[in-house]
Amino acid sequence: MAGKEEFNKNELNKNGSNKNVPYFVTVILIILALAACVFGIYRKEMTTVFTKAANICMECIGIG
């Protein structure tokens, strides 16, 4: 194919990351993220986070 650069799978991207992450690493990270969300909901942190977010939003627009 003319005009296209050859891609080396071992090369890093411009931002320094490697796109070839194993599938199981992705699945493990998603499971850990979901577990952290469930733990936060179990500890009733959801209301705290929403309250803080609302207060910051109100301060930004000048109401609070």
N, C-alpha and C. Protein backbone atom coordinates (compact mmCIF):
# COMPACT_ATOMS: atom_id res chain seq x y z
N MET A 1 0.85 -1.18 0.00
CA MET A 1 0.00 0.00 0.00
C MET A 1 0.89 1.24 0.00
N ALA A 2 0.74 2.00 -1.00
CA ALA A 2 1.60 3.18 -1.16
C ALA A 2 1.18 4.29 -0.20
N GLY A 3 2.16 4.95 0.36
CA GLY A 3 1.91 6.11 1.20
C GLY A 3 1.68 5.80 2.66
N LYS A 4 1.53 4.54 3.02
CA LYS A 4 1.30 4.19 4.42
C LYS A 4 2.61 3.75 5.05
N GLU A 5 2.81 4.17 6.30
CA GLU A 5 4.02 3.79 7.02
C GLU A 5 3.86 2.38 7.56
N GLU A 6 4.96 1.68 7.65
CA GLU A 6 4.95 0.34 8.22
C GLU A 6 4.77 0.44 9.73
N PHE A 7 3.90 -0.38 10.31
CA PHE A 7 3.63 -0.34 11.73
C PHE A 7 4.36 -1.49 12.42
N ASN A 8 5.14 -1.13 13.42
CA ASN A 8 5.85 -2.12 14.21
C ASN A 8 5.07 -2.34 15.50
N LYS A 9 4.67 -3.59 15.79
CA LYS A 9 3.84 -3.87 16.96
C LYS A 9 4.55 -3.56 18.27
N ASN A 10 5.87 -3.56 18.28
CA ASN A 10 6.62 -3.30 19.50
C ASN A 10 6.86 -1.81 19.74
N GLU A 11 6.46 -0.97 18.79
CA GLU A 11 6.66 0.47 18.92
C GLU A 11 5.65 1.07 19.87
N LEU A 12 6.06 2.10 20.59
CA LEU A 12 5.14 2.81 21.46
C LEU A 12 4.43 3.90 20.68
N ASN A 13 3.24 4.28 21.15
CA ASN A 13 2.50 5.37 20.52
C ASN A 13 3.17 6.70 20.82
N LYS A 14 2.64 7.76 20.25
CA LYS A 14 3.20 9.10 20.48
C LYS A 14 3.14 9.49 21.95
N ASN A 15 2.11 9.02 22.67
CA ASN A 15 1.99 9.38 24.08
C ASN A 15 2.76 8.43 24.99
N GLY A 16 3.49 7.48 24.41
CA GLY A 16 4.35 6.61 25.19
C GLY A 16 3.69 5.34 25.69
N SER A 17 2.45 5.08 25.27
CA SER A 17 1.78 3.87 25.74
C SER A 17 1.84 2.78 24.67
N ASN A 18 1.66 1.57 25.11
CA ASN A 18 1.67 0.45 24.20
C ASN A 18 0.23 -0.04 24.04
N LYS A 19 -0.27 -0.09 22.82
CA LYS A 19 -1.66 -0.47 22.59
C LYS A 19 -1.90 -1.96 22.80
N ASN A 20 -0.87 -2.75 22.81
CA ASN A 20 -1.03 -4.20 22.88
C ASN A 20 -1.14 -4.68 24.31
N VAL A 21 -2.19 -4.23 24.99
CA VAL A 21 -2.44 -4.65 26.37
C VAL A 21 -3.19 -5.98 26.31
N PRO A 22 -2.75 -6.97 27.08
CA PRO A 22 -3.46 -8.26 27.07
C PRO A 22 -4.92 -8.09 27.50
N TYR A 23 -5.77 -8.93 26.94
CA TYR A 23 -7.20 -8.86 27.19
C TYR A 23 -7.52 -9.06 28.68
N PHE A 24 -6.82 -9.99 29.33
CA PHE A 24 -7.13 -10.28 30.73
C PHE A 24 -6.81 -9.09 31.63
N VAL A 25 -5.84 -8.26 31.26
CA VAL A 25 -5.53 -7.07 32.05
C VAL A 25 -6.70 -6.09 32.00
N THR A 26 -7.28 -5.93 30.83
CA THR A 26 -8.44 -5.06 30.66
C THR A 26 -9.61 -5.56 31.49
N VAL A 27 -9.86 -6.86 31.43
CA VAL A 27 -10.97 -7.45 32.19
C VAL A 27 -10.75 -7.28 33.69
N ILE A 28 -9.54 -7.51 34.16
CA ILE A 28 -9.24 -7.36 35.59
C ILE A 28 -9.44 -5.92 36.04
N LEU A 29 -9.00 -4.96 35.23
CA LEU A 29 -9.17 -3.55 35.61
C LEU A 29 -10.64 -3.15 35.65
N ILE A 30 -11.43 -3.66 34.72
CA ILE A 30 -12.87 -3.36 34.72
C ILE A 30 -13.53 -3.97 35.96
N ILE A 31 -13.16 -5.20 36.31
CA ILE A 31 -13.72 -5.84 37.50
C ILE A 31 -13.34 -5.06 38.76
N LEU A 32 -12.09 -4.62 38.85
CA LEU A 32 -11.66 -3.82 40.01
C LEU A 32 -12.41 -2.50 40.10
N ALA A 33 -12.64 -1.86 38.96
CA ALA A 33 -13.37 -0.59 38.95
C ALA A 33 -14.81 -0.80 39.43
N LEU A 34 -15.45 -1.86 38.95
CA LEU A 34 -16.82 -2.14 39.37
C LEU A 34 -16.87 -2.49 40.86
N ALA A 35 -15.87 -3.21 41.34
CA ALA A 35 -15.82 -3.54 42.77
C ALA A 35 -15.66 -2.28 43.61
N ALA A 36 -14.84 -1.34 43.14
CA ALA A 36 -14.66 -0.08 43.87
C ALA A 36 -15.96 0.72 43.89
N CYS A 37 -16.70 0.70 42.79
CA CYS A 37 -18.00 1.40 42.75
C CYS A 37 -18.99 0.77 43.73
N VAL A 38 -19.06 -0.56 43.74
CA VAL A 38 -19.97 -1.26 44.64
C VAL A 38 -19.58 -0.99 46.09
N PHE A 39 -18.30 -1.00 46.40
CA PHE A 39 -17.84 -0.73 47.76
C PHE A 39 -18.22 0.69 48.19
N GLY A 40 -18.07 1.66 47.28
CA GLY A 40 -18.46 3.03 47.59
C GLY A 40 -19.94 3.18 47.84
N ILE A 41 -20.74 2.47 47.05
CA ILE A 41 -22.19 2.51 47.25
C ILE A 41 -22.55 1.84 48.57
N TYR A 42 -21.87 0.74 48.90
CA TYR A 42 -22.11 0.03 50.16
C TYR A 42 -21.81 0.93 51.36
N ARG A 43 -20.77 1.74 51.25
CA ARG A 43 -20.40 2.65 52.35
C ARG A 43 -21.21 3.94 52.33
N LYS A 44 -22.15 4.05 51.42
CA LYS A 44 -23.01 5.23 51.26
C LYS A 44 -22.21 6.49 50.95
N GLU A 45 -21.17 6.33 50.15
CA GLU A 45 -20.36 7.46 49.72
C GLU A 45 -20.99 8.19 48.53
N MET A 46 -21.96 7.57 47.89
CA MET A 46 -22.57 8.15 46.71
C MET A 46 -23.23 9.50 47.03
N THR A 47 -23.93 9.57 48.14
CA THR A 47 -24.58 10.83 48.50
C THR A 47 -23.55 11.91 48.82
N THR A 48 -22.45 11.50 49.45
CA THR A 48 -21.39 12.46 49.76
C THR A 48 -20.79 13.04 48.48
N VAL A 49 -20.52 12.17 47.52
CA VAL A 49 -19.92 12.61 46.26
C VAL A 49 -20.89 13.55 45.52
N PHE A 50 -22.16 13.18 45.46
CA PHE A 50 -23.12 14.03 44.75
C PHE A 50 -23.30 15.37 45.45
N THR A 51 -23.28 15.39 46.78
CA THR A 51 -23.40 16.65 47.52
C THR A 51 -22.21 17.56 47.25
N LYS A 52 -21.02 16.99 47.29
CA LYS A 52 -19.82 17.79 47.01
C LYS A 52 -19.82 18.30 45.57
N ALA A 53 -20.23 17.45 44.63
CA ALA A 53 -20.28 17.87 43.23
C ALA A 53 -21.28 19.01 43.03
N ALA A 54 -22.42 18.92 43.68
CA ALA A 54 -23.43 19.98 43.55
C ALA A 54 -22.91 21.28 44.16
N ASN A 55 -22.25 21.19 45.31
CA ASN A 55 -21.71 22.40 45.95
C ASN A 55 -20.64 23.05 45.07
N ILE A 56 -19.75 22.25 44.50
CA ILE A 56 -18.72 22.82 43.62
C ILE A 56 -19.36 23.45 42.40
N CYS A 57 -20.37 22.81 41.84
CA CYS A 57 -21.04 23.36 40.66
C CYS A 57 -21.71 24.69 40.98
N MET A 58 -22.37 24.73 42.13
CA MET A 58 -23.04 25.98 42.53
C MET A 58 -22.03 27.10 42.77
N GLU A 59 -20.86 26.76 43.32
CA GLU A 59 -19.84 27.77 43.54
C GLU A 59 -19.28 28.29 42.22
N CYS A 60 -19.17 27.40 41.24
CA CYS A 60 -18.61 27.82 39.95
C CYS A 60 -19.52 28.81 39.23
N ILE A 61 -20.84 28.61 39.34
CA ILE A 61 -21.73 29.51 38.63
C ILE A 61 -22.15 30.69 39.51
N GLY A 62 -21.68 30.71 40.75
CA GLY A 62 -21.89 31.87 41.59
C GLY A 62 -23.15 31.86 42.42
N ILE A 63 -23.82 30.74 42.54
CA ILE A 63 -25.04 30.69 43.35
C ILE A 63 -24.73 30.34 44.80
N GLY A 64 -23.83 29.38 45.01
CA GLY A 64 -23.60 28.86 46.36
C GLY A 64 -22.54 29.56 47.05
